[in-house]
PDB file of all heavy atoms in Angstrom:
ATOM      1  N   VAL A   1       0.836  -1.186   0.000  1.00  0.00           N
ATOM      2  CA  VAL A   1       0.000   0.000   0.000  1.00  0.00           C
ATOM      3  C   VAL A   1       0.879   1.248   0.000  1.00  0.00           C
ATOM      4  O   VAL A   1       0.619   2.208  -0.707  1.00  0.00           O
ATOM      5  CB  VAL A   1      -0.927   0.008   1.238  1.00  0.00           C
ATOM      6  CG1 VAL A   1      -1.739   1.287   1.276  1.00  0.00           C
ATOM      7  CG2 VAL A   1      -1.839  -1.203   1.218  1.00  0.00           C
ATOM      8  N   PHE A   2       1.955   1.218   0.774  1.00  0.00           N
ATOM      9  CA  PHE A   2       2.835   2.383   0.865  1.00  0.00           C
ATOM     10  C   PHE A   2       3.431   2.750  -0.484  1.00  0.00           C
ATOM     11  O   PHE A   2       3.764   3.886  -0.703  1.00  0.00           O
ATOM     12  CB  PHE A   2       3.961   2.123   1.873  1.00  0.00           C
ATOM     13  CG  PHE A   2       3.527   2.332   3.292  1.00  0.00           C
ATOM     14  CD1 PHE A   2       3.290   1.243   4.126  1.00  0.00           C
ATOM     15  CD2 PHE A   2       3.333   3.596   3.793  1.00  0.00           C
ATOM     16  CE1 PHE A   2       2.894   1.434   5.441  1.00  0.00           C
ATOM     17  CE2 PHE A   2       2.931   3.790   5.113  1.00  0.00           C
ATOM     18  CZ  PHE A   2       2.713   2.713   5.931  1.00  0.00           C
ATOM     19  N   ARG A   3       3.580   1.794  -1.389  1.00  0.00           N
ATOM     20  CA  ARG A   3       4.179   2.098  -2.680  1.00  0.00           C
ATOM     21  C   ARG A   3       3.389   3.140  -3.452  1.00  0.00           C
ATOM     22  O   ARG A   3       3.894   3.754  -4.363  1.00  0.00           O
ATOM     23  CB  ARG A   3       4.264   0.827  -3.541  1.00  0.00           C
ATOM     24  CG  ARG A   3       5.370  -0.109  -3.128  1.00  0.00           C
ATOM     25  CD  ARG A   3       5.644  -1.112  -4.235  1.00  0.00           C
ATOM     26  NE  ARG A   3       6.320  -2.267  -3.683  1.00  0.00           N
ATOM     27  CZ  ARG A   3       5.837  -3.488  -3.685  1.00  0.00           C
ATOM     28  NH1 ARG A   3       4.661  -3.721  -4.198  1.00  0.00           N
ATOM     29  NH2 ARG A   3       6.515  -4.485  -3.172  1.00  0.00           N
ATOM     30  N   LEU A   4       2.122   3.322  -3.088  1.00  0.00           N
ATOM     31  CA  LEU A   4       1.322   4.311  -3.785  1.00  0.00           C
ATOM     32  C   LEU A   4       1.780   5.725  -3.456  1.00  0.00           C
ATOM     33  O   LEU A   4       1.442   6.669  -4.137  1.00  0.00           O
ATOM     34  CB  LEU A   4      -0.166   4.166  -3.391  1.00  0.00           C
ATOM     35  CG  LEU A   4      -0.825   2.882  -3.862  1.00  0.00           C
ATOM     36  CD1 LEU A   4      -2.214   2.787  -3.279  1.00  0.00           C
ATOM     37  CD2 LEU A   4      -0.878   2.838  -5.378  1.00  0.00           C
ATOM     38  N   GLY A   5       2.546   5.851  -2.395  1.00  0.00           N
ATOM     39  CA  GLY A   5       3.058   7.157  -2.029  1.00  0.00           C
ATOM     40  C   GLY A   5       2.078   7.922  -1.170  1.00  0.00           C
ATOM     41  O   GLY A   5       0.949   7.511  -0.955  1.00  0.00           O
ATOM     42  N   VAL A   6       2.506   9.067  -0.695  1.00  0.00           N
ATOM     43  CA  VAL A   6       1.665   9.893   0.161  1.00  0.00           C
ATOM     44  C   VAL A   6       1.212  11.100  -0.639  1.00  0.00           C
ATOM     45  O   VAL A   6       2.001  11.947  -1.024  1.00  0.00           O
ATOM     46  CB  VAL A   6       2.436  10.352   1.412  1.00  0.00           C
ATOM     47  CG1 VAL A   6       1.567  11.255   2.255  1.00  0.00           C
ATOM     48  CG2 VAL A   6       2.881   9.134   2.219  1.00  0.00           C
ATOM     49  N   GLY A   7      -0.074  11.168  -0.910  1.00  0.00           N
ATOM     50  CA  GLY A   7      -0.623  12.284  -1.657  1.00  0.00           C
ATOM     51  C   GLY A   7      -1.401  13.203  -0.742  1.00  0.00           C
ATOM     52  O   GLY A   7      -1.307  13.116   0.472  1.00  0.00           O
ATOM     53  N   LYS A   8      -2.197  14.056  -1.324  1.00  0.00           N
ATOM     54  CA  LYS A   8      -2.947  15.017  -0.531  1.00  0.00           C
ATOM     55  C   LYS A   8      -4.372  14.534  -0.307  1.00  0.00           C
ATOM     56  O   LYS A   8      -4.828  14.410   0.804  1.00  0.00           O
ATOM     57  CB  LYS A   8      -2.939  16.376  -1.226  1.00  0.00           C
ATOM     58  CG  LYS A   8      -1.542  16.989  -1.298  1.00  0.00           C
ATOM     59  CD  LYS A   8      -1.582  18.334  -1.991  1.00  0.00           C
ATOM     60  CE  LYS A   8      -0.189  18.950  -2.056  1.00  0.00           C
ATOM     61  NZ  LYS A   8      -0.189  20.248  -2.749  1.00  0.00           N
ATOM     62  N   GLU A   9      -5.075  14.280  -1.382  1.00  0.00           N
ATOM     63  CA  GLU A   9      -6.451  13.837  -1.267  1.00  0.00           C
ATOM     64  C   GLU A   9      -6.677  12.663  -2.179  1.00  0.00           C
ATOM     65  O   GLU A   9      -6.646  12.804  -3.380  1.00  0.00           O
ATOM     66  CB  GLU A   9      -7.407  14.958  -1.674  1.00  0.00           C
ATOM     67  CG  GLU A   9      -7.905  15.734  -0.516  1.00  0.00           C
ATOM     68  CD  GLU A   9      -8.998  16.666  -0.939  1.00  0.00           C
ATOM     69  OE1 GLU A   9      -9.787  16.282  -1.816  1.00  0.00           O
ATOM     70  OE2 GLU A   9      -9.056  17.753  -0.403  1.00  0.00           O
ATOM     71  N   PRO A  10      -6.922  11.490  -1.626  1.00  0.00           N
ATOM     72  CA  PRO A  10      -7.043  10.339  -2.490  1.00  0.00           C
ATOM     73  C   PRO A  10      -8.170  10.458  -3.497  1.00  0.00           C
ATOM     74  O   PRO A  10      -8.016  10.081  -4.629  1.00  0.00           O
ATOM     75  CB  PRO A  10      -7.319   9.200  -1.521  1.00  0.00           C
ATOM     76  CG  PRO A  10      -7.992   9.838  -0.377  1.00  0.00           C
ATOM     77  CD  PRO A  10      -7.445  11.235  -0.316  1.00  0.00           C
ATOM     78  N   PRO A  11      -9.338  11.007  -3.092  1.00  0.00           N
ATOM     79  CA  PRO A  11     -10.443  10.995  -4.027  1.00  0.00           C
ATOM     80  C   PRO A  11     -10.129  11.724  -5.325  1.00  0.00           C
ATOM     81  O   PRO A  11     -10.544  11.318  -6.380  1.00  0.00           O
ATOM     82  CB  PRO A  11     -11.554  11.710  -3.268  1.00  0.00           C
ATOM     83  CG  PRO A  11     -11.184  11.553  -1.836  1.00  0.00           C
ATOM     84  CD  PRO A  11      -9.687  11.563  -1.812  1.00  0.00           C
ATOM     85  N   ALA A  12      -9.366  12.821  -5.244  1.00  0.00           N
ATOM     86  CA  ALA A  12      -9.097  13.618  -6.429  1.00  0.00           C
ATOM     87  C   ALA A  12      -7.955  13.053  -7.262  1.00  0.00           C
ATOM     88  O   ALA A  12      -7.965  13.157  -8.476  1.00  0.00           O
ATOM     89  CB  ALA A  12      -8.782  15.057  -6.016  1.00  0.00           C
ATOM     90  N   PHE A  13      -6.961  12.461  -6.624  1.00  0.00           N
ATOM     91  CA  PHE A  13      -5.747  12.093  -7.333  1.00  0.00           C
ATOM     92  C   PHE A  13      -5.476  10.595  -7.389  1.00  0.00           C
ATOM     93  O   PHE A  13      -4.590  10.150  -8.084  1.00  0.00           O
ATOM     94  CB  PHE A  13      -4.538  12.778  -6.688  1.00  0.00           C
ATOM     95  CG  PHE A  13      -4.712  14.260  -6.584  1.00  0.00           C
ATOM     96  CD1 PHE A  13      -4.904  14.863  -5.359  1.00  0.00           C
ATOM     97  CD2 PHE A  13      -4.699  15.046  -7.715  1.00  0.00           C
ATOM     98  CE1 PHE A  13      -5.073  16.241  -5.266  1.00  0.00           C
ATOM     99  CE2 PHE A  13      -4.861  16.418  -7.635  1.00  0.00           C
ATOM    100  CZ  PHE A  13      -5.054  17.013  -6.407  1.00  0.00           C
ATOM    101  N   PHE A  14      -6.244   9.813  -6.646  1.00  0.00           N
ATOM    102  CA  PHE A  14      -6.008   8.378  -6.551  1.00  0.00           C
ATOM    103  C   PHE A  14      -6.963   7.669  -7.493  1.00  0.00           C
ATOM    104  O   PHE A  14      -8.171   7.756  -7.348  1.00  0.00           O
ATOM    105  CB  PHE A  14      -6.251   7.941  -5.110  1.00  0.00           C
ATOM    106  CG  PHE A  14      -5.961   6.493  -4.844  1.00  0.00           C
ATOM    107  CD1 PHE A  14      -4.662   6.033  -4.844  1.00  0.00           C
ATOM    108  CD2 PHE A  14      -6.983   5.614  -4.563  1.00  0.00           C
ATOM    109  CE1 PHE A  14      -4.378   4.709  -4.575  1.00  0.00           C
ATOM    110  CE2 PHE A  14      -6.713   4.287  -4.290  1.00  0.00           C
ATOM    111  CZ  PHE A  14      -5.403   3.838  -4.298  1.00  0.00           C
ATOM    112  N   ARG A  15      -6.439   6.981  -8.499  1.00  0.00           N
ATOM    113  CA  ARG A  15      -7.276   6.321  -9.483  1.00  0.00           C
ATOM    114  C   ARG A  15      -7.829   5.002  -8.949  1.00  0.00           C
ATOM    115  O   ARG A  15      -7.157   4.298  -8.212  1.00  0.00           O
ATOM    116  CB  ARG A  15      -6.476   6.036 -10.757  1.00  0.00           C
ATOM    117  CG  ARG A  15      -5.908   7.266 -11.440  1.00  0.00           C
ATOM    118  CD  ARG A  15      -5.143   6.845 -12.678  1.00  0.00           C
ATOM    119  NE  ARG A  15      -4.163   5.809 -12.356  1.00  0.00           N
ATOM    120  CZ  ARG A  15      -3.681   4.940 -13.247  1.00  0.00           C
ATOM    121  NH1 ARG A  15      -4.098   4.965 -14.481  1.00  0.00           N
ATOM    122  NH2 ARG A  15      -2.775   4.038 -12.879  1.00  0.00           N
ATOM    123  N   VAL A  16      -9.044   4.678  -9.357  1.00  0.00           N
ATOM    124  CA  VAL A  16      -9.619   3.392  -8.982  1.00  0.00           C
ATOM    125  C   VAL A  16      -8.754   2.264  -9.530  1.00  0.00           C
ATOM    126  O   VAL A  16      -8.611   1.215  -8.909  1.00  0.00           O
ATOM    127  CB  VAL A  16     -11.069   3.265  -9.505  1.00  0.00           C
ATOM    128  CG1 VAL A  16     -11.561   1.838  -9.402  1.00  0.00           C
ATOM    129  CG2 VAL A  16     -11.988   4.164  -8.692  1.00  0.00           C
ATOM    130  N   GLU A  17      -8.121   2.489 -10.690  1.00  0.00           N
ATOM    131  CA  GLU A  17      -7.246   1.461 -11.249  1.00  0.00           C
ATOM    132  C   GLU A  17      -6.103   1.132 -10.296  1.00  0.00           C
ATOM    133  O   GLU A  17      -5.669  -0.008 -10.189  1.00  0.00           O
ATOM    134  CB  GLU A  17      -6.676   1.925 -12.597  1.00  0.00           C
ATOM    135  CG  GLU A  17      -7.710   1.954 -13.724  1.00  0.00           C
ATOM    136  CD  GLU A  17      -8.598   3.184 -13.668  1.00  0.00           C
ATOM    137  OE1 GLU A  17      -8.338   4.072 -12.824  1.00  0.00           O
ATOM    138  OE2 GLU A  17      -9.561   3.245 -14.447  1.00  0.00           O
ATOM    139  N   ASP A  18      -5.588   2.157  -9.591  1.00  0.00           N
ATOM    140  CA  ASP A  18      -4.533   1.923  -8.609  1.00  0.00           C
ATOM    141  C   ASP A  18      -5.056   1.066  -7.462  1.00  0.00           C
ATOM    142  O   ASP A  18      -4.369   0.173  -6.971  1.00  0.00           O
ATOM    143  CB  ASP A  18      -4.010   3.256  -8.055  1.00  0.00           C
ATOM    144  CG  ASP A  18      -3.355   4.101  -9.130  1.00  0.00           C
ATOM    145  OD1 ASP A  18      -2.760   3.531 -10.053  1.00  0.00           O
ATOM    146  OD2 ASP A  18      -3.454   5.331  -9.036  1.00  0.00           O
ATOM    147  N   ALA A  19      -6.275   1.366  -7.033  1.00  0.00           N
ATOM    148  CA  ALA A  19      -6.874   0.589  -5.948  1.00  0.00           C
ATOM    149  C   ALA A  19      -7.098  -0.854  -6.378  1.00  0.00           C
ATOM    150  O   ALA A  19      -6.801  -1.799  -5.642  1.00  0.00           O
ATOM    151  CB  ALA A  19      -8.200   1.222  -5.519  1.00  0.00           C
ATOM    152  N   LEU A  20      -7.609  -1.037  -7.593  1.00  0.00           N
ATOM    153  CA  LEU A  20      -7.895  -2.381  -8.065  1.00  0.00           C
ATOM    154  C   LEU A  20      -6.638  -3.222  -8.212  1.00  0.00           C
ATOM    155  O   LEU A  20      -6.663  -4.442  -8.047  1.00  0.00           O
ATOM    156  CB  LEU A  20      -8.635  -2.312  -9.409  1.00  0.00           C
ATOM    157  CG  LEU A  20     -10.042  -1.722  -9.355  1.00  0.00           C
ATOM    158  CD1 LEU A  20     -10.587  -1.539 -10.765  1.00  0.00           C
ATOM    159  CD2 LEU A  20     -10.969  -2.592  -8.534  1.00  0.00           C
ATOM    160  N   SER A  21      -5.517  -2.566  -8.509  1.00  0.00           N
ATOM    161  CA  SER A  21      -4.267  -3.319  -8.651  1.00  0.00           C
ATOM    162  C   SER A  21      -3.857  -3.956  -7.337  1.00  0.00           C
ATOM    163  O   SER A  21      -3.132  -4.952  -7.310  1.00  0.00           O
ATOM    164  CB  SER A  21      -3.148  -2.401  -9.149  1.00  0.00           C
ATOM    165  OG  SER A  21      -2.751  -1.486  -8.145  1.00  0.00           O
ATOM    166  N   LEU A  22      -4.330  -3.399  -6.219  1.00  0.00           N
ATOM    167  CA  LEU A  22      -3.982  -3.946  -4.911  1.00  0.00           C
ATOM    168  C   LEU A  22      -4.728  -5.243  -4.605  1.00  0.00           C
ATOM    169  O   LEU A  22      -4.316  -6.001  -3.735  1.00  0.00           O
ATOM    170  CB  LEU A  22      -4.294  -2.920  -3.808  1.00  0.00           C
ATOM    171  CG  LEU A  22      -3.473  -1.639  -3.839  1.00  0.00           C
ATOM    172  CD1 LEU A  22      -3.972  -0.674  -2.775  1.00  0.00           C
ATOM    173  CD2 LEU A  22      -2.008  -1.938  -3.633  1.00  0.00           C
ATOM    174  N   VAL A  23      -5.840  -5.473  -5.298  1.00  0.00           N
ATOM    175  CA  VAL A  23      -6.605  -6.687  -5.023  1.00  0.00           C
ATOM    176  C   VAL A  23      -6.402  -7.738  -6.106  1.00  0.00           C
ATOM    177  O   VAL A  23      -7.074  -8.765  -6.122  1.00  0.00           O
ATOM    178  CB  VAL A  23      -8.111  -6.386  -4.860  1.00  0.00           C
ATOM    179  CG1 VAL A  23      -8.343  -5.527  -3.646  1.00  0.00           C
ATOM    180  CG2 VAL A  23      -8.682  -5.730  -6.107  1.00  0.00           C
ATOM    181  N   SER A  24      -5.478  -7.497  -7.034  1.00  0.00           N
ATOM    182  CA  SER A  24      -5.163  -8.473  -8.084  1.00  0.00           C
ATOM    183  C   SER A  24      -3.783  -9.046  -7.822  1.00  0.00           C
ATOM    184  O   SER A  24      -2.788  -8.447  -8.168  1.00  0.00           O
ATOM    185  CB  SER A  24      -5.186  -7.798  -9.460  1.00  0.00           C
ATOM    186  OG  SER A  24      -6.477  -7.386  -9.785  1.00  0.00           O
TER     187      SER A  24
END
């Protein structure tokens, strides 16, 4: 999870594709 880095606001900058990659 940490590999995604530390951003400011996940909803605006965090893609669902990034989230889905964590469950594959």
